[in-house]
Amino acid sequence: MRAQNLTLLTDLYELTMMQGYFKNPTDQIVVFDVFYRKNPSEGAFAIMAGLEQVIEYVRDLHFSPDDVDYLRGLQMFDEDFLEYLRGFHFTGDICAIPEGTVIFPREPLLKVIAPVMEAQLVETALLNIINHQSLIATKASRVCYAAQGDGVMEFGLRRAQGPDAGIYGARAAMIGGCIGTSNVLTGQMFDVPVKGTHAHSWIMSFADEYTAFKTYAELYPDACILLVDTYDVLESGIPNAIRVFKEMKAAGAKMKGYGIRIDSGDLAYLSKKAYEMLAAEGFGDAIISASSDLDEYLIDSMKTQGAMINSWGVGTNLITSSDWPAFGGVYKLAAIKNAGDEEYTPKIKLSENTEKVTNPCNKTIYRIYDKETGKIRADLICLADEKFDESEDMILFDPLATWKKTKVLGGTYRLRELLVPIFQKGKCVYTSPSVMEIRDICIKEKETLWEESKRLVNAQTVYVDLSDKLYRIKTDLLEETSLKSLENN
């Protein structure tokens, strides 16, 4: 992001539509929502990530001379439109849910309010950035939940789908809860901890395993994690590691950050045997780290089996979110305001699939917390100017199954508006926290979820409801559109 101009990181139809609007001038200000419909991995929540890169992208929006020359070469765009692009910059407003926040389907993660050409151009890049990082942050959150407080290190760079996926995937994994990454460039760019041990090739390059271990321990006495499965974990690796640990202790080493890593075999069984051997020699506090195609389900299974692993290295399945490879975020028009209008005209997209019918209007979101526990009761999508009194009872209902209702008694809940201003009239008004600060935010956010919603399988859904006013507008639009369709037939 630091060196690239990403203005042309867009689908061609965004530009052809822009030219169409340019040729047919309009003073329309539009509202677009970014949202997703289904939680990754059939979970009950996701994690918002990628906003810092969205800010960088929007700040740097401009068409360079080379960009304009390239577009001219496509022979699709007229000179007057290309001349307009030379002076293009974003002048609109953007609101978003901050990074690290727990999020749910159908609610606006980000809202663009801007002239139609500007709002149209940014669609593709916003989705690209938010979809990717939110997906990986969510996957990391699940992996860290399965680890039950053990440290999880991200080291999927070599399996990531390209350099950017490796860099920003590692950033997102840190937000989701990882304690470090093997990706040195991510460490440099975002000031996050970098961690690592050594490869099997280090062991194999020495005459014997013991010498390889000893040499490594002399180099890194305060971060001595020895890879013990190059030849035989129990017959060779662990005994040689214990021999080196004894020598380190005798030499007065502080014996912090030391231990072993197992990268193959039956990790649960081997870890238990390894612990027995280490503890018998006085090294019961040694780190026992595991890797080898791990994901949240394998980690959860090994925890159930009583594995003595207390550090997890997760690569391929985390950095690619292998079981759920796409986040599915979309960008939909919600409202239009013409010059001179005081209010927005709501817009709705219809579908035979009721879950794909969009929510119209310029909106915001209130999160409803139980005062006693601090846990989330529900999220309420409402009109942007709606206000609520926490001392009054609130009736919530499922917008797809309206007979499902619940009453939240006044005085028992508190409200928090989730969308915050990011850009106002083209100027950024938001300062992104550091990645490690966002990670802390995310940890606190997950504490507001009920345990039933954190389960890896059959997680309890968190309700996302519509306010009465918004629901009535939506149903009126649906009825109106349905009647017009009948008339046309």
Protein backbone atom coordinates (compact mmCIF):
# COMPACT_ATOMS: atom_id res chain seq x y z
CA MET A 1 0.00 0.00 0.00
CA ARG A 2 2.91 2.35 0.71
CA ALA A 3 4.22 2.40 -2.86
CA GLN A 4 1.29 1.44 -5.05
CA ASN A 5 -1.31 3.66 -6.66
CA LEU A 6 -4.39 1.44 -6.46
CA THR A 7 -6.81 3.72 -8.32
CA LEU A 8 -7.10 1.24 -11.19
CA LEU A 9 -7.67 -1.64 -8.75
CA THR A 10 -11.25 -1.74 -9.93
CA ASP A 11 -13.55 -3.63 -12.23
CA LEU A 12 -13.89 -2.18 -15.73
CA TYR A 13 -17.62 -1.68 -15.35
CA GLU A 14 -17.07 0.82 -12.54
CA LEU A 15 -15.28 3.05 -15.05
CA THR A 16 -17.77 2.51 -17.86
CA MET A 17 -20.60 3.41 -15.47
CA MET A 18 -18.65 6.48 -14.36
CA GLN A 19 -18.40 7.63 -17.97
CA GLY A 20 -22.13 7.00 -18.35
CA TYR A 21 -22.86 9.25 -15.38
CA PHE A 22 -20.41 11.84 -16.71
CA LYS A 23 -22.16 11.91 -20.09
CA ASN A 24 -25.54 12.16 -18.37
CA PRO A 25 -24.84 14.70 -15.63
CA THR A 26 -26.54 14.21 -12.29
CA ASP A 27 -26.30 15.89 -8.92
CA GLN A 28 -27.22 12.71 -7.10
CA ILE A 29 -25.69 11.96 -3.72
CA VAL A 30 -25.96 8.23 -3.07
CA VAL A 31 -25.66 5.93 -0.07
CA PHE A 32 -23.94 2.57 -0.56
CA ASP A 33 -23.59 -0.10 2.14
CA VAL A 34 -20.90 -2.74 2.49
CA PHE A 35 -22.29 -5.81 4.24
CA TYR A 36 -22.11 -9.60 4.16
CA ARG A 37 -24.83 -12.24 4.37
CA LYS A 38 -23.29 -15.29 6.02
CA ASN A 39 -20.68 -15.82 8.71
CA PRO A 40 -17.51 -17.67 7.68
CA SER A 41 -17.27 -21.35 8.64
CA GLU A 42 -20.93 -21.38 9.75
CA GLY A 43 -19.97 -19.42 12.85
CA ALA A 44 -22.06 -16.85 14.71
CA PHE A 45 -19.91 -13.77 14.12
CA ALA A 46 -17.08 -12.24 12.15
CA ILE A 47 -14.34 -9.68 12.87
CA MET A 48 -14.12 -6.34 11.08
CA ALA A 49 -10.69 -5.72 9.57
CA GLY A 50 -9.02 -3.77 6.77
CA LEU A 51 -10.19 -0.24 7.57
CA GLU A 52 -6.69 1.22 7.78
CA GLN A 53 -5.99 0.07 4.24
CA VAL A 54 -9.35 1.45 3.08
CA ILE A 55 -8.29 4.83 4.46
CA GLU A 56 -4.95 4.67 2.65
CA TYR A 57 -6.68 3.74 -0.59
CA VAL A 58 -9.27 6.54 -0.44
CA ARG A 59 -6.68 9.14 0.59
CA ASP A 60 -4.51 8.28 -2.40
CA LEU A 61 -7.26 8.09 -5.02
CA HIS A 62 -5.99 9.82 -8.17
CA PHE A 63 -5.52 9.00 -11.82
CA SER A 64 -1.89 9.41 -12.79
CA PRO A 65 -0.86 10.39 -16.33
CA ASP A 66 0.05 6.74 -16.94
CA ASP A 67 -3.40 5.64 -15.73
CA VAL A 68 -5.11 8.06 -18.11
CA ASP A 69 -2.89 6.99 -21.00
CA TYR A 70 -3.70 3.35 -20.33
CA LEU A 71 -7.44 4.03 -20.27
CA ARG A 72 -7.13 6.02 -23.50
CA GLY A 73 -5.47 3.02 -25.07
CA LEU A 74 -8.54 0.87 -24.34
CA GLN A 75 -10.42 3.04 -26.85
CA MET A 76 -13.52 2.99 -24.67
CA PHE A 77 -13.36 6.41 -23.05
CA ASP A 78 -13.83 9.89 -24.52
CA GLU A 79 -11.28 12.65 -24.04
CA ASP A 80 -13.59 14.85 -21.98
CA PHE A 81 -14.11 12.02 -19.49
CA LEU A 82 -10.38 11.26 -19.39
CA GLU A 83 -9.70 14.92 -18.71
CA TYR A 84 -12.17 14.78 -15.82
CA LEU A 85 -10.29 11.81 -14.36
CA ARG A 86 -7.06 13.81 -14.26
CA GLY A 87 -8.48 15.95 -11.47
CA PHE A 88 -10.47 13.25 -9.70
CA HIS A 89 -10.42 12.95 -5.91
CA PHE A 90 -12.87 11.65 -3.32
CA THR A 91 -15.11 14.35 -1.79
CA GLY A 92 -17.70 12.26 0.04
CA ASP A 93 -18.33 10.83 3.50
CA ILE A 94 -17.50 7.37 4.80
CA CYS A 95 -18.63 5.83 8.08
CA ALA A 96 -17.47 2.41 9.25
CA ILE A 97 -17.41 -0.04 12.12
CA PRO A 98 -13.91 0.14 13.67
CA GLU A 99 -11.46 -2.70 13.13
CA GLY A 100 -11.48 -5.48 15.70
CA THR A 101 -15.21 -5.13 16.30
CA VAL A 102 -17.43 -8.22 16.34
CA ILE A 103 -19.80 -8.00 13.35
CA PHE A 104 -22.85 -9.86 12.09
CA PRO A 105 -24.56 -10.51 8.75
CA ARG A 106 -26.71 -7.92 6.95
CA GLU A 107 -25.52 -4.91 8.93
CA PRO A 108 -23.55 -2.12 7.19
CA LEU A 109 -19.86 -2.54 7.96
CA LEU A 110 -19.05 0.57 5.97
CA LYS A 111 -21.26 3.27 4.44
CA VAL A 112 -20.29 5.55 1.56
CA ILE A 113 -22.21 8.80 1.04
CA ALA A 114 -20.87 10.57 -2.03
CA PRO A 115 -21.58 11.78 -5.56
CA VAL A 116 -22.55 8.75 -7.59
CA MET A 117 -19.39 8.62 -9.72
CA GLU A 118 -17.13 8.66 -6.66
CA ALA A 119 -19.20 6.08 -4.80
CA GLN A 120 -19.21 3.81 -7.84
CA LEU A 121 -15.45 3.89 -8.36
CA VAL A 122 -14.48 2.80 -4.84
CA GLU A 123 -16.73 -0.28 -4.74
CA THR A 124 -14.29 -2.93 -5.92
CA ALA A 125 -11.28 -1.92 -3.85
CA LEU A 126 -13.31 -1.50 -0.66
CA LEU A 127 -14.73 -5.00 -1.05
CA ASN A 128 -11.33 -6.46 -1.92
CA ILE A 129 -9.72 -5.03 1.20
CA ILE A 130 -12.51 -5.62 3.72
CA ASN A 131 -13.48 -9.07 2.43
CA HIS A 132 -9.95 -10.42 2.65
CA GLN A 133 -8.87 -9.06 6.00
CA SER A 134 -12.22 -9.66 7.72
CA LEU A 135 -12.11 -13.27 6.52
CA ILE A 136 -8.61 -13.94 7.88
CA ALA A 137 -9.24 -12.06 11.14
CA THR A 138 -12.35 -14.20 11.67
CA LYS A 139 -10.47 -17.41 10.93
CA ALA A 140 -7.70 -16.40 13.33
CA SER A 141 -10.28 -15.64 16.00
CA ARG A 142 -11.70 -19.15 15.66
CA VAL A 143 -8.24 -20.72 15.81
CA CYS A 144 -7.34 -18.72 18.92
CA TYR A 145 -10.63 -19.68 20.56
CA ALA A 146 -9.84 -23.36 19.98
CA ALA A 147 -6.38 -22.86 21.51
CA GLN A 148 -8.03 -21.84 24.82
CA GLY A 149 -5.53 -19.17 25.75
CA ASP A 150 -2.42 -20.81 24.32
CA GLY A 151 -0.32 -18.66 22.02
CA VAL A 152 -1.04 -18.97 18.30
CA MET A 153 1.60 -17.91 15.79
CA GLU A 154 0.71 -17.18 12.17
CA PHE A 155 3.24 -18.53 9.71
CA GLY A 156 1.43 -19.01 6.43
CA LEU A 157 3.41 -16.61 4.22
CA ARG A 158 4.84 -19.26 1.92
CA ARG A 159 1.35 -20.70 1.35
CA ALA A 160 -0.47 -17.36 1.02
CA GLN A 161 -1.99 -16.53 -2.35
CA GLY A 162 0.55 -13.87 -3.22
CA PRO A 163 2.63 -11.26 -1.36
CA ASP A 164 -0.26 -8.94 -0.49
CA ALA A 165 -2.34 -11.84 0.84
CA GLY A 166 0.62 -12.84 3.00
CA ILE A 167 1.29 -9.33 4.32
CA TYR A 168 -2.26 -8.22 5.02
CA GLY A 169 -3.43 -11.70 5.94
CA ALA A 170 -0.80 -11.72 8.69
CA ARG A 171 -1.98 -8.27 9.79
CA ALA A 172 -5.55 -9.56 9.99
CA ALA A 173 -4.44 -12.68 11.85
CA MET A 174 -2.83 -10.49 14.50
CA ILE A 175 -6.08 -8.56 14.85
CA GLY A 176 -7.93 -11.87 15.26
CA GLY A 177 -5.77 -12.85 18.21
CA CYS A 178 -2.42 -14.32 17.10
CA ILE A 179 0.56 -13.45 19.28
CA GLY A 180 3.02 -13.14 16.42
CA THR A 181 3.79 -13.80 12.78
CA SER A 182 6.71 -15.29 10.91
CA ASN A 183 6.26 -12.57 8.26
CA VAL A 184 9.10 -10.11 8.81
CA LEU A 185 7.72 -7.50 6.40
CA THR A 186 4.40 -7.48 8.23
CA GLY A 187 6.36 -7.07 11.46
CA GLN A 188 8.19 -4.06 10.03
CA MET A 189 5.13 -2.44 8.44
CA PHE A 190 2.76 -2.80 11.38
CA ASP A 191 5.08 -3.10 14.41
CA VAL A 192 3.83 -6.53 15.44
CA PRO A 193 5.88 -9.34 17.04
CA VAL A 194 7.75 -11.64 14.69
CA LYS A 195 8.48 -15.17 15.83
CA GLY A 196 10.07 -18.31 14.47
CA THR A 197 12.38 -21.25 15.16
CA HIS A 198 14.39 -23.15 12.57
CA ALA A 199 13.74 -25.59 9.73
CA HIS A 200 14.52 -29.27 9.36
CA SER A 201 17.27 -28.23 6.96
CA TRP A 202 19.13 -26.64 9.90
CA ILE A 203 19.24 -30.00 11.63
CA MET A 204 20.17 -31.87 8.47
CA SER A 205 23.02 -29.48 7.65
CA PHE A 206 24.94 -30.60 10.76
CA ALA A 207 26.73 -33.87 11.36
CA ASP A 208 24.19 -34.84 14.02
CA GLU A 209 21.03 -33.57 15.71
CA TYR A 210 22.68 -32.79 19.04
CA THR A 211 25.25 -30.47 17.44
CA ALA A 212 22.52 -28.67 15.52
CA PHE A 213 20.53 -28.13 18.71
CA LYS A 214 23.57 -27.02 20.71
CA THR A 215 24.65 -24.52 18.07
CA TYR A 216 21.17 -23.04 17.87
CA ALA A 217 20.91 -22.78 21.66
CA GLU A 218 24.21 -20.90 21.81
CA LEU A 219 22.93 -18.43 19.22
CA TYR A 220 19.47 -17.89 20.75
CA PRO A 221 19.51 -18.86 24.43
CA ASP A 222 16.43 -16.75 25.22
CA ALA A 223 14.36 -18.07 22.31
CA CYS A 224 15.47 -21.65 22.03
CA ILE A 225 12.65 -23.69 20.51
CA LEU A 226 14.12 -26.88 19.04
CA LEU A 227 12.46 -28.76 16.18
CA VAL A 228 12.52 -32.36 17.37
CA ASP A 229 10.90 -34.41 14.58
CA THR A 230 13.61 -34.43 11.89
CA TYR A 231 14.61 -38.03 12.67
CA ASP A 232 12.63 -39.50 15.57
CA VAL A 233 10.77 -37.40 18.14
CA LEU A 234 10.92 -39.75 21.14
CA GLU A 235 14.10 -41.69 20.43
CA SER A 236 16.28 -38.83 19.20
CA GLY A 237 14.71 -35.39 19.20
CA ILE A 238 13.52 -35.15 22.81
CA PRO A 239 16.62 -36.81 24.35
CA ASN A 240 18.92 -34.47 22.44
CA ALA A 241 16.82 -31.45 23.37
CA ILE A 242 16.94 -32.45 27.06
CA ARG A 243 20.72 -32.84 26.84
CA VAL A 244 21.03 -29.29 25.45
CA PHE A 245 18.61 -27.87 28.04
CA LYS A 246 20.68 -29.43 30.84
CA GLU A 247 23.83 -27.86 29.44
CA MET A 248 22.09 -24.48 29.15
CA LYS A 249 20.90 -24.66 32.74
CA ALA A 250 24.33 -25.67 34.00
CA ALA A 251 25.84 -22.71 32.15
CA GLY A 252 23.48 -20.34 33.96
CA ALA A 253 21.02 -19.65 31.16
CA LYS A 254 17.77 -18.00 32.29
CA MET A 255 15.75 -20.77 30.59
CA LYS A 256 12.99 -18.50 29.34
CA GLY A 257 11.30 -18.96 26.00
CA TYR A 258 12.75 -22.44 25.61
CA GLY A 259 11.10 -25.65 24.47
CA ILE A 260 10.39 -27.90 21.51
CA ARG A 261 8.36 -27.93 18.31
CA ILE A 262 6.77 -31.01 16.76
CA ASP A 263 5.84 -30.73 13.09
CA SER A 264 4.67 -34.23 12.16
CA GLY A 265 3.19 -37.44 13.51
CA ASP A 266 0.43 -37.88 16.06
CA LEU A 267 0.81 -34.50 17.73
CA ALA A 268 -1.46 -35.23 20.70
CA TYR A 269 0.28 -38.50 21.56
CA LEU A 270 3.78 -37.18 20.96
CA SER A 271 3.16 -34.07 23.04
CA LYS A 272 2.03 -36.10 26.03
CA LYS A 273 5.05 -38.38 25.81
CA ALA A 274 7.33 -35.39 25.27
CA TYR A 275 5.95 -33.69 28.37
CA GLU A 276 6.53 -36.80 30.47
CA MET A 277 10.16 -36.97 29.32
CA LEU A 278 10.78 -33.23 29.83
CA ALA A 279 9.08 -33.10 33.24
CA ALA A 280 11.04 -36.11 34.46
CA GLU A 281 14.25 -34.15 33.86
CA GLY A 282 12.98 -30.95 35.50
CA PHE A 283 11.82 -29.18 32.35
CA GLY A 284 8.07 -29.36 32.86
CA ASP A 285 7.78 -25.63 32.09
CA ALA A 286 9.21 -26.03 28.59
CA ILE A 287 7.12 -24.78 25.69
CA ILE A 288 5.68 -27.60 23.61
CA SER A 289 4.82 -26.14 20.25
CA ALA A 290 3.02 -27.91 17.42
CA SER A 291 2.54 -27.24 13.74
CA SER A 292 1.57 -29.33 10.68
CA ASP A 293 -1.58 -28.28 8.77
CA LEU A 294 -3.47 -27.21 11.87
CA ASP A 295 -6.85 -25.50 12.02
CA GLU A 296 -9.38 -24.76 14.76
CA TYR A 297 -11.01 -28.18 14.48
CA LEU A 298 -7.76 -30.12 14.86
CA ILE A 299 -6.65 -27.93 17.74
CA ASP A 300 -10.01 -28.37 19.46
CA SER A 301 -9.79 -32.13 18.97
CA MET A 302 -6.29 -32.32 20.41
CA LYS A 303 -7.34 -30.23 23.40
CA THR A 304 -10.12 -32.74 24.01
CA GLN A 305 -7.56 -35.55 23.85
CA GLY A 306 -5.46 -33.93 26.55
CA ALA A 307 -2.58 -32.87 24.33
CA MET A 308 0.19 -31.13 26.28
CA ILE A 309 0.74 -28.54 23.55
CA ASN A 310 0.78 -24.94 24.76
CA SER A 311 1.88 -23.13 21.61
CA TRP A 312 0.45 -23.50 18.12
CA GLY A 313 1.90 -22.60 14.74
CA VAL A 314 -0.83 -22.29 12.14
CA GLY A 315 -0.04 -21.64 8.50
CA THR A 316 -1.89 -22.75 5.38
CA ASN A 317 -5.35 -23.23 6.82
CA LEU A 318 -5.24 -19.84 8.54
CA ILE A 319 -3.72 -17.60 5.89
CA THR A 320 -6.02 -19.05 3.19
CA SER A 321 -9.07 -19.71 5.39
CA SER A 322 -9.07 -23.02 3.57
CA ASP A 323 -12.52 -24.24 4.59
CA TRP A 324 -14.24 -20.91 3.77
CA PRO A 325 -12.17 -19.10 1.14
CA ALA A 326 -14.36 -16.01 0.57
CA PHE A 327 -16.04 -13.56 2.93
CA GLY A 328 -18.88 -12.66 0.57
CA GLY A 329 -19.17 -8.96 1.31
CA VAL A 330 -21.27 -6.93 -1.14
CA TYR A 331 -21.79 -3.24 -1.97
CA LYS A 332 -25.37 -2.20 -2.50
CA LEU A 333 -27.17 1.06 -3.21
CA ALA A 334 -29.46 2.01 -0.31
CA ALA A 335 -30.60 5.58 -0.97
CA ILE A 336 -30.39 8.54 -3.38
CA LYS A 337 -30.77 12.27 -2.82
CA ASN A 338 -31.08 14.67 -5.76
CA ALA A 339 -29.96 18.29 -5.61
CA GLY A 340 -32.51 20.32 -3.71
CA ASP A 341 -34.01 17.32 -1.92
CA GLU A 342 -34.07 17.44 1.86
CA GLU A 343 -34.42 13.71 2.35
CA TYR A 344 -33.02 10.57 0.76
CA THR A 345 -35.18 8.38 -1.44
CA PRO A 346 -34.82 4.77 -0.25
CA LYS A 347 -33.72 2.13 -2.75
CA ILE A 348 -34.11 -1.62 -2.48
CA LYS A 349 -32.80 -4.63 -4.39
CA LEU A 350 -35.28 -7.48 -4.74
CA SER A 351 -34.59 -11.18 -4.99
CA GLU A 352 -36.52 -14.43 -4.91
CA ASN A 353 -34.14 -15.34 -2.09
CA THR A 354 -35.47 -13.31 0.87
CA GLU A 355 -32.01 -13.13 2.46
CA LYS A 356 -30.75 -11.24 -0.59
CA VAL A 357 -33.37 -8.49 -0.38
CA THR A 358 -31.43 -5.41 0.74
CA ASN A 359 -32.25 -2.98 3.53
CA PRO A 360 -33.01 0.49 2.12
CA CYS A 361 -32.30 4.00 3.47
CA ASN A 362 -29.45 5.88 5.06
CA LYS A 363 -28.87 3.76 8.17
CA THR A 364 -26.87 3.28 11.33
CA ILE A 365 -26.51 0.41 13.82
CA TYR A 366 -26.99 0.29 17.56
CA ARG A 367 -25.55 -2.59 19.57
CA ILE A 368 -27.71 -3.53 22.55
CA TYR A 369 -25.79 -4.79 25.59
CA ASP A 370 -27.17 -6.42 28.70
CA LYS A 371 -26.24 -4.06 31.53
CA GLU A 372 -25.67 -6.78 34.09
CA THR A 373 -23.41 -9.07 32.05
CA GLY A 374 -22.06 -6.73 29.37
CA LYS A 375 -23.03 -9.33 26.76
CA ILE A 376 -24.62 -8.51 23.40
CA ARG A 377 -28.40 -8.88 23.34
CA ALA A 378 -28.84 -7.90 19.68
CA ASP A 379 -27.90 -5.40 17.00
CA LEU A 380 -30.51 -2.96 15.72
CA ILE A 381 -30.29 -1.51 12.21
CA CYS A 382 -32.25 1.73 12.05
CA LEU A 383 -32.54 5.03 10.20
CA ALA A 384 -29.47 7.25 10.58
CA ASP A 385 -31.37 9.90 12.52
CA GLU A 386 -33.26 7.57 14.89
CA LYS A 387 -32.63 7.94 18.63
CA PHE A 388 -33.63 5.63 21.47
CA ASP A 389 -34.14 6.06 25.21
CA GLU A 390 -32.37 3.42 27.28
CA SER A 391 -34.90 3.91 30.06
CA GLU A 392 -37.76 2.72 27.84
CA ASP A 393 -38.72 -0.86 26.94
CA MET A 394 -37.62 -1.98 23.50
CA ILE A 395 -39.44 -4.59 21.40
CA LEU A 396 -37.15 -6.49 19.04
CA PHE A 397 -38.30 -8.78 16.25
CA ASP A 398 -36.75 -10.93 13.56
CA PRO A 399 -37.21 -9.08 10.25
CA LEU A 400 -37.51 -12.36 8.34
CA ALA A 401 -39.72 -14.12 10.88
CA THR A 402 -41.61 -11.24 12.45
CA TRP A 403 -43.50 -13.42 14.94
CA LYS A 404 -40.23 -13.98 16.78
CA LYS A 405 -40.19 -11.11 19.28
CA THR A 406 -38.49 -10.24 22.53
CA LYS A 407 -38.86 -7.38 24.99
CA VAL A 408 -35.79 -5.67 26.45
CA LEU A 409 -36.82 -3.89 29.63
CA GLY A 410 -35.90 -0.26 30.04
CA GLY A 411 -32.96 0.27 32.36
CA THR A 412 -31.56 -3.22 31.75
CA TYR A 413 -29.62 -2.41 28.58
CA ARG A 414 -27.22 0.09 27.13
CA LEU A 415 -26.76 1.19 23.51
CA ARG A 416 -23.65 1.81 21.44
CA GLU A 417 -23.70 3.21 17.92
CA LEU A 418 -21.30 1.14 15.83
CA LEU A 419 -20.72 3.28 12.73
CA VAL A 420 -18.21 6.08 13.27
CA PRO A 421 -17.14 8.87 10.87
CA ILE A 422 -14.04 8.05 8.81
CA PHE A 423 -14.15 10.64 6.00
CA GLN A 424 -16.13 13.87 5.96
CA LYS A 425 -16.27 15.86 2.72
CA GLY A 426 -13.26 13.94 1.46
CA LYS A 427 -11.11 14.58 4.52
CA CYS A 428 -10.09 11.76 6.85
CA VAL A 429 -11.29 12.47 10.40
CA TYR A 430 -10.32 9.12 11.93
CA THR A 431 -7.01 7.89 13.29
CA SER A 432 -6.46 4.14 13.11
CA PRO A 433 -5.12 2.46 16.25
CA SER A 434 -2.02 0.29 15.96
CA VAL A 435 -2.50 -3.36 15.04
CA MET A 436 -1.69 -4.47 18.58
CA GLU A 437 -4.21 -1.97 19.96
CA ILE A 438 -6.81 -3.32 17.53
CA ARG A 439 -5.94 -6.84 18.71
CA ASP A 440 -6.71 -5.76 22.29
CA ILE A 441 -9.99 -4.23 21.11
CA CYS A 442 -10.87 -7.50 19.42
CA ILE A 443 -10.17 -9.52 22.57
CA LYS A 444 -12.50 -7.27 24.57
CA GLU A 445 -15.11 -7.41 21.81
CA LYS A 446 -15.20 -11.21 21.91
CA GLU A 447 -15.78 -11.06 25.65
CA THR A 448 -19.15 -9.44 24.89
CA LEU A 449 -20.31 -12.59 23.09
CA TRP A 450 -22.19 -15.30 24.98
CA GLU A 451 -20.25 -18.56 25.11
CA GLU A 452 -22.94 -20.26 23.02
CA SER A 453 -22.12 -17.91 20.14
CA LYS A 454 -18.41 -18.73 20.25
CA ARG A 455 -18.84 -22.46 19.61
CA LEU A 456 -17.02 -23.79 16.56
CA VAL A 457 -20.02 -25.94 15.60
CA ASN A 458 -23.74 -25.10 15.89
CA ALA A 459 -23.04 -21.67 17.30
CA GLN A 460 -26.00 -19.67 18.59
CA THR A 461 -27.02 -16.89 16.21
CA VAL A 462 -26.85 -13.29 17.43
CA TYR A 463 -29.96 -11.35 16.44
CA VAL A 464 -29.73 -8.49 13.94
CA ASP A 465 -33.06 -6.70 13.84
CA LEU A 466 -34.62 -3.70 12.09
CA SER A 467 -36.22 -0.75 13.82
CA ASP A 468 -39.99 -0.34 13.36
CA LYS A 469 -39.50 2.69 11.09
CA LEU A 470 -36.98 0.97 8.85
CA TYR A 471 -39.03 -2.22 8.70
CA ARG A 472 -42.15 -0.28 7.63
CA ILE A 473 -40.26 1.55 4.88
CA LYS A 474 -38.83 -1.75 3.64
CA THR A 475 -42.20 -3.53 3.59
CA ASP A 476 -43.89 -0.55 1.91
CA LEU A 477 -41.22 -0.58 -0.81
CA LEU A 478 -41.64 -4.31 -1.31
CA GLU A 479 -45.41 -3.92 -1.59
CA GLU A 480 -45.09 -1.00 -3.99
CA THR A 481 -42.61 -2.84 -6.18
CA SER A 482 -44.77 -5.96 -6.18
CA LEU A 483 -47.84 -4.00 -7.32
CA LYS A 484 -45.88 -2.32 -10.12
CA SER A 485 -44.70 -5.73 -11.26
CA LEU A 486 -48.28 -6.99 -11.42
CA GLU A 487 -49.37 -3.92 -13.36
CA ASN A 488 -46.59 -4.42 -15.87
CA ASN A 489 -47.65 -8.01 -16.39
